[in-house]
Amino acid sequence: MARILVVDDEAEIRELIRRVLMIEGHEVDMAAHGAAALAALAVRPYDLVICNVRMPVMDGPTLYAHILDRDPVQASRFLFCTGDILSVDVGSFLLAADRPVLMKPFTVAGLRETVRALLNGPSASAGRQRREHPAQEPYAASRFPA
């Protein structure tokens, strides 16, 4: 069982991720923005932080910068989640951070597979999720595509 922090400003997304991961046997905490996540991370470490990129109060890149400065090991446990890969600033951030990315909208199977791969360490399954049909999108990228 892993301890996971889900950071997303959309309550429905947070709750969906929480439910899926709890069914998988994980302990899940939630935060509505980066400032709340920063407070949670000050109290306890997490095996994985699933973090949206664009949020009010404190966005994902700002949260990540704080954690990277304070605790590089914890920063290495980030999985970013975004539906905005076309904007230059988000794309630049994701390339620079070099962390896994879960594209929104994601599938429950894609979420499960990505989390399992990250928690079980580097493996071939940490890359893009297998698709039975090429049109089955979105995918979970092990790193943001260049």
C-alpha atoms as a PDB file:
ATOM      1  CA  MET A   1       0.000   0.000   0.000  1.00  0.00           C
ATOM      2  CA  ALA A   2       1.317   3.408  -0.973  1.00  0.00           C
ATOM      3  CA  ARG A   3       0.592   6.823   0.447  1.00  0.00           C
ATOM      4  CA  ILE A   4      -0.530   9.117  -2.399  1.00  0.00           C
ATOM      5  CA  LEU A   5      -1.367  12.828  -2.514  1.00  0.00           C
ATOM      6  CA  VAL A   6      -3.772  13.981  -5.237  1.00  0.00           C
ATOM      7  CA  VAL A   7      -3.564  17.694  -6.051  1.00  0.00           C
ATOM      8  CA  ASP A   8      -6.250  19.039  -8.386  1.00  0.00           C
ATOM      9  CA  ASP A   9      -8.601  21.995  -8.288  1.00  0.00           C
ATOM     10  CA  GLU A  10     -11.434  19.977  -9.835  1.00  0.00           C
ATOM     11  CA  ALA A  11     -13.277  18.154  -7.040  1.00  0.00           C
ATOM     12  CA  GLU A  12     -14.651  15.527  -9.445  1.00  0.00           C
ATOM     13  CA  ILE A  13     -11.170  14.638 -10.692  1.00  0.00           C
ATOM     14  CA  ARG A  14      -9.759  14.469  -7.149  1.00  0.00           C
ATOM     15  CA  GLU A  15     -12.591  12.215  -6.042  1.00  0.00           C
ATOM     16  CA  LEU A  16     -12.326   9.936  -9.082  1.00  0.00           C
ATOM     17  CA  ILE A  17      -8.588   9.479  -8.572  1.00  0.00           C
ATOM     18  CA  ARG A  18      -9.093   8.947  -4.828  1.00  0.00           C
ATOM     19  CA  ARG A  19     -11.714   6.245  -5.373  1.00  0.00           C
ATOM     20  CA  VAL A  20      -9.681   4.398  -8.003  1.00  0.00           C
ATOM     21  CA  LEU A  21      -6.537   4.433  -5.888  1.00  0.00           C
ATOM     22  CA  MET A  22      -8.336   3.428  -2.686  1.00  0.00           C
ATOM     23  CA  ILE A  23      -9.794   0.414  -4.513  1.00  0.00           C
ATOM     24  CA  GLU A  24      -6.205  -0.428  -5.438  1.00  0.00           C
ATOM     25  CA  GLY A  25      -5.415  -0.435  -1.701  1.00  0.00           C
ATOM     26  CA  HIS A  26      -3.623   2.905  -1.389  1.00  0.00           C
ATOM     27  CA  GLU A  27      -3.955   5.559   1.283  1.00  0.00           C
ATOM     28  CA  VAL A  28      -4.993   8.772  -0.472  1.00  0.00           C
ATOM     29  CA  ASP A  29      -4.944  12.385   0.708  1.00  0.00           C
ATOM     30  CA  MET A  30      -6.292  15.247  -1.392  1.00  0.00           C
ATOM     31  CA  ALA A  31      -5.504  18.924  -1.888  1.00  0.00           C
ATOM     32  CA  ALA A  32      -7.386  21.486  -3.987  1.00  0.00           C
ATOM     33  CA  HIS A  33      -4.287  23.510  -4.923  1.00  0.00           C
ATOM     34  CA  GLY A  34      -0.555  23.685  -4.503  1.00  0.00           C
ATOM     35  CA  ALA A  35      -0.610  25.676  -1.254  1.00  0.00           C
ATOM     36  CA  ALA A  36      -2.713  22.996   0.459  1.00  0.00           C
ATOM     37  CA  ALA A  37      -0.423  20.325  -0.998  1.00  0.00           C
ATOM     38  CA  LEU A  38       2.646  22.160   0.283  1.00  0.00           C
ATOM     39  CA  ALA A  39       1.138  22.098   3.779  1.00  0.00           C
ATOM     40  CA  ALA A  40       0.389  18.361   3.480  1.00  0.00           C
ATOM     41  CA  LEU A  41       3.910  17.652   2.229  1.00  0.00           C
ATOM     42  CA  ALA A  42       5.369  19.531   5.208  1.00  0.00           C
ATOM     43  CA  VAL A  43       3.651  17.057   7.540  1.00  0.00           C
ATOM     44  CA  ARG A  44       4.428  13.747   5.835  1.00  0.00           C
ATOM     45  CA  PRO A  45       6.177  12.281   2.809  1.00  0.00           C
ATOM     46  CA  TYR A  46       4.246  10.590   0.003  1.00  0.00           C
ATOM     47  CA  ASP A  47       5.157   7.671  -2.215  1.00  0.00           C
ATOM     48  CA  LEU A  48       3.527   9.511  -5.119  1.00  0.00           C
ATOM     49  CA  VAL A  49       2.121  12.985  -5.729  1.00  0.00           C
ATOM     50  CA  ILE A  50      -0.349  13.256  -8.610  1.00  0.00           C
ATOM     51  CA  CYS A  51      -0.405  16.964  -9.389  1.00  0.00           C
ATOM     52  CA  ASN A  52      -2.439  19.008 -11.838  1.00  0.00           C
ATOM     53  CA  VAL A  53      -0.444  21.689 -13.634  1.00  0.00           C
ATOM     54  CA  ARG A  54      -2.923  24.573 -13.804  1.00  0.00           C
ATOM     55  CA  MET A  55      -4.653  25.453 -10.520  1.00  0.00           C
ATOM     56  CA  PRO A  56      -5.623  28.606  -8.635  1.00  0.00           C
ATOM     57  CA  VAL A  57      -3.824  29.767  -5.473  1.00  0.00           C
ATOM     58  CA  MET A  58      -0.623  27.826  -6.309  1.00  0.00           C
ATOM     59  CA  ASP A  59      -0.136  25.942  -9.566  1.00  0.00           C
ATOM     60  CA  GLY A  60       1.703  22.666 -10.086  1.00  0.00           C
ATOM     61  CA  PRO A  61       4.973  24.184 -11.376  1.00  0.00           C
ATOM     62  CA  THR A  62       5.231  26.487  -8.337  1.00  0.00           C
ATOM     63  CA  LEU A  63       4.521  23.612  -5.943  1.00  0.00           C
ATOM     64  CA  TYR A  64       7.070  21.444  -7.731  1.00  0.00           C
ATOM     65  CA  ALA A  65       9.725  24.200  -7.525  1.00  0.00           C
ATOM     66  CA  HIS A  66       9.178  24.501  -3.756  1.00  0.00           C
ATOM     67  CA  ILE A  67       9.442  20.740  -3.257  1.00  0.00           C
ATOM     68  CA  LEU A  68      12.422  20.368  -5.598  1.00  0.00           C
ATOM     69  CA  ASP A  69      14.277  23.003  -3.586  1.00  0.00           C
ATOM     70  CA  ARG A  70      13.310  21.503  -0.218  1.00  0.00           C
ATOM     71  CA  ASP A  71      13.236  17.753  -0.902  1.00  0.00           C
ATOM     72  CA  PRO A  72      14.549  16.462  -4.269  1.00  0.00           C
ATOM     73  CA  VAL A  73      13.621  12.879  -3.349  1.00  0.00           C
ATOM     74  CA  GLN A  74       9.980  13.879  -2.850  1.00  0.00           C
ATOM     75  CA  ALA A  75      10.106  15.879  -6.100  1.00  0.00           C
ATOM     76  CA  SER A  76      11.188  12.710  -7.894  1.00  0.00           C
ATOM     77  CA  ARG A  77       7.852  11.177  -6.889  1.00  0.00           C
ATOM     78  CA  PHE A  78       5.665  13.606  -8.860  1.00  0.00           C
ATOM     79  CA  LEU A  79       3.278  12.584 -11.623  1.00  0.00           C
ATOM     80  CA  PHE A  80       1.844  15.585 -13.439  1.00  0.00           C
ATOM     81  CA  CYS A  81      -1.677  15.546 -14.787  1.00  0.00           C
ATOM     82  CA  THR A  82      -2.805  18.007 -17.446  1.00  0.00           C
ATOM     83  CA  GLY A  83      -5.039  18.529 -20.414  1.00  0.00           C
ATOM     84  CA  ASP A  84      -3.056  21.562 -21.537  1.00  0.00           C
ATOM     85  CA  ILE A  85      -0.024  20.321 -23.429  1.00  0.00           C
ATOM     86  CA  LEU A  86      -0.322  22.801 -26.277  1.00  0.00           C
ATOM     87  CA  SER A  87       0.572  25.965 -24.382  1.00  0.00           C
ATOM     88  CA  VAL A  88       4.228  26.906 -24.553  1.00  0.00           C
ATOM     89  CA  ASP A  89       4.612  27.528 -20.816  1.00  0.00           C
ATOM     90  CA  VAL A  90       3.120  24.157 -19.807  1.00  0.00           C
ATOM     91  CA  GLY A  91       5.099  22.309 -22.461  1.00  0.00           C
ATOM     92  CA  SER A  92       8.318  24.015 -21.416  1.00  0.00           C
ATOM     93  CA  PHE A  93       7.705  23.223 -17.772  1.00  0.00           C
ATOM     94  CA  LEU A  94       6.944  19.557 -18.444  1.00  0.00           C
ATOM     95  CA  LEU A  95      10.060  19.176 -20.581  1.00  0.00           C
ATOM     96  CA  ALA A  96      12.233  20.831 -17.946  1.00  0.00           C
ATOM     97  CA  ALA A  97      10.720  18.864 -15.040  1.00  0.00           C
ATOM     98  CA  ASP A  98      11.210  15.560 -16.907  1.00  0.00           C
ATOM     99  CA  ARG A  99       8.547  13.859 -14.788  1.00  0.00           C
ATOM    100  CA  PRO A 100       5.834  11.464 -15.963  1.00  0.00           C
ATOM    101  CA  VAL A 101       2.661  13.017 -17.352  1.00  0.00           C
ATOM    102  CA  LEU A 102      -0.887  11.671 -17.257  1.00  0.00           C
ATOM    103  CA  MET A 103      -2.849  13.324 -20.032  1.00  0.00           C
ATOM    104  CA  LYS A 104      -6.408  14.488 -19.351  1.00  0.00           C
ATOM    105  CA  PRO A 105      -8.877  13.144 -20.046  1.00  0.00           C
ATOM    106  CA  PHE A 106      -7.391   9.869 -18.853  1.00  0.00           C
ATOM    107  CA  THR A 107      -8.926   6.440 -18.549  1.00  0.00           C
ATOM    108  CA  VAL A 108      -9.270   4.616 -15.242  1.00  0.00           C
ATOM    109  CA  ALA A 109      -7.143   1.821 -16.702  1.00  0.00           C
ATOM    110  CA  GLY A 110      -4.511   4.358 -17.752  1.00  0.00           C
ATOM    111  CA  LEU A 111      -4.465   5.873 -14.269  1.00  0.00           C
ATOM    112  CA  ARG A 112      -4.102   2.469 -12.617  1.00  0.00           C
ATOM    113  CA  GLU A 113      -1.362   1.335 -14.987  1.00  0.00           C
ATOM    114  CA  THR A 114       0.610   4.567 -14.656  1.00  0.00           C
ATOM    115  CA  VAL A 115       0.439   4.555 -10.859  1.00  0.00           C
ATOM    116  CA  ARG A 116       1.421   0.875 -10.671  1.00  0.00           C
ATOM    117  CA  ALA A 117       4.375   1.454 -12.993  1.00  0.00           C
ATOM    118  CA  LEU A 118       5.611   4.446 -11.010  1.00  0.00           C
ATOM    119  CA  LEU A 119       5.227   2.748  -7.639  1.00  0.00           C
ATOM    120  CA  ASN A 120       6.935  -0.406  -8.864  1.00  0.00           C
ATOM    121  CA  GLY A 121       9.917   1.490 -10.279  1.00  0.00           C
ATOM    122  CA  PRO A 122      11.218   1.884 -13.814  1.00  0.00           C
ATOM    123  CA  SER A 123       9.952  -0.718 -16.217  1.00  0.00           C
ATOM    124  CA  ALA A 124       8.820  -1.040 -19.783  1.00  0.00           C
ATOM    125  CA  SER A 125       5.236  -0.464 -18.651  1.00  0.00           C
ATOM    126  CA  ALA A 126       6.128   3.011 -17.373  1.00  0.00           C
ATOM    127  CA  GLY A 127       5.938   4.270 -20.934  1.00  0.00           C
ATOM    128  CA  ARG A 128       2.805   4.884 -22.892  1.00  0.00           C
ATOM    129  CA  GLN A 129      -0.047   2.645 -21.922  1.00  0.00           C
ATOM    130  CA  ARG A 130      -0.826  -0.112 -24.357  1.00  0.00           C
ATOM    131  CA  ARG A 131      -3.795   0.660 -26.553  1.00  0.00           C
ATOM    132  CA  GLU A 132      -5.907  -1.998 -28.136  1.00  0.00           C
ATOM    133  CA  HIS A 133      -6.960   0.485 -30.774  1.00  0.00           C
ATOM    134  CA  PRO A 134      -4.838   3.415 -32.039  1.00  0.00           C
ATOM    135  CA  ALA A 135      -7.728   5.836 -31.560  1.00  0.00           C
ATOM    136  CA  GLN A 136      -7.988   4.950 -27.875  1.00  0.00           C
ATOM    137  CA  GLU A 137      -6.679   8.152 -26.337  1.00  0.00           C
ATOM    138  CA  PRO A 138      -5.508   9.657 -24.112  1.00  0.00           C
ATOM    139  CA  TYR A 139      -2.277   8.031 -23.064  1.00  0.00           C
ATOM    140  CA  ALA A 140       0.006   8.255 -20.113  1.00  0.00           C
ATOM    141  CA  ALA A 141       3.474   9.296 -21.214  1.00  0.00           C
ATOM    142  CA  SER A 142       6.475   8.266 -19.154  1.00  0.00           C
ATOM    143  CA  ARG A 143       7.916  11.667 -19.968  1.00  0.00           C
ATOM    144  CA  PHE A 144       6.549  14.655 -21.812  1.00  0.00           C
ATOM    145  CA  PRO A 145       7.151  14.097 -25.538  1.00  0.00           C
ATOM    146  CA  ALA A 146       9.743  16.395 -27.096  1.00  0.00           C
END
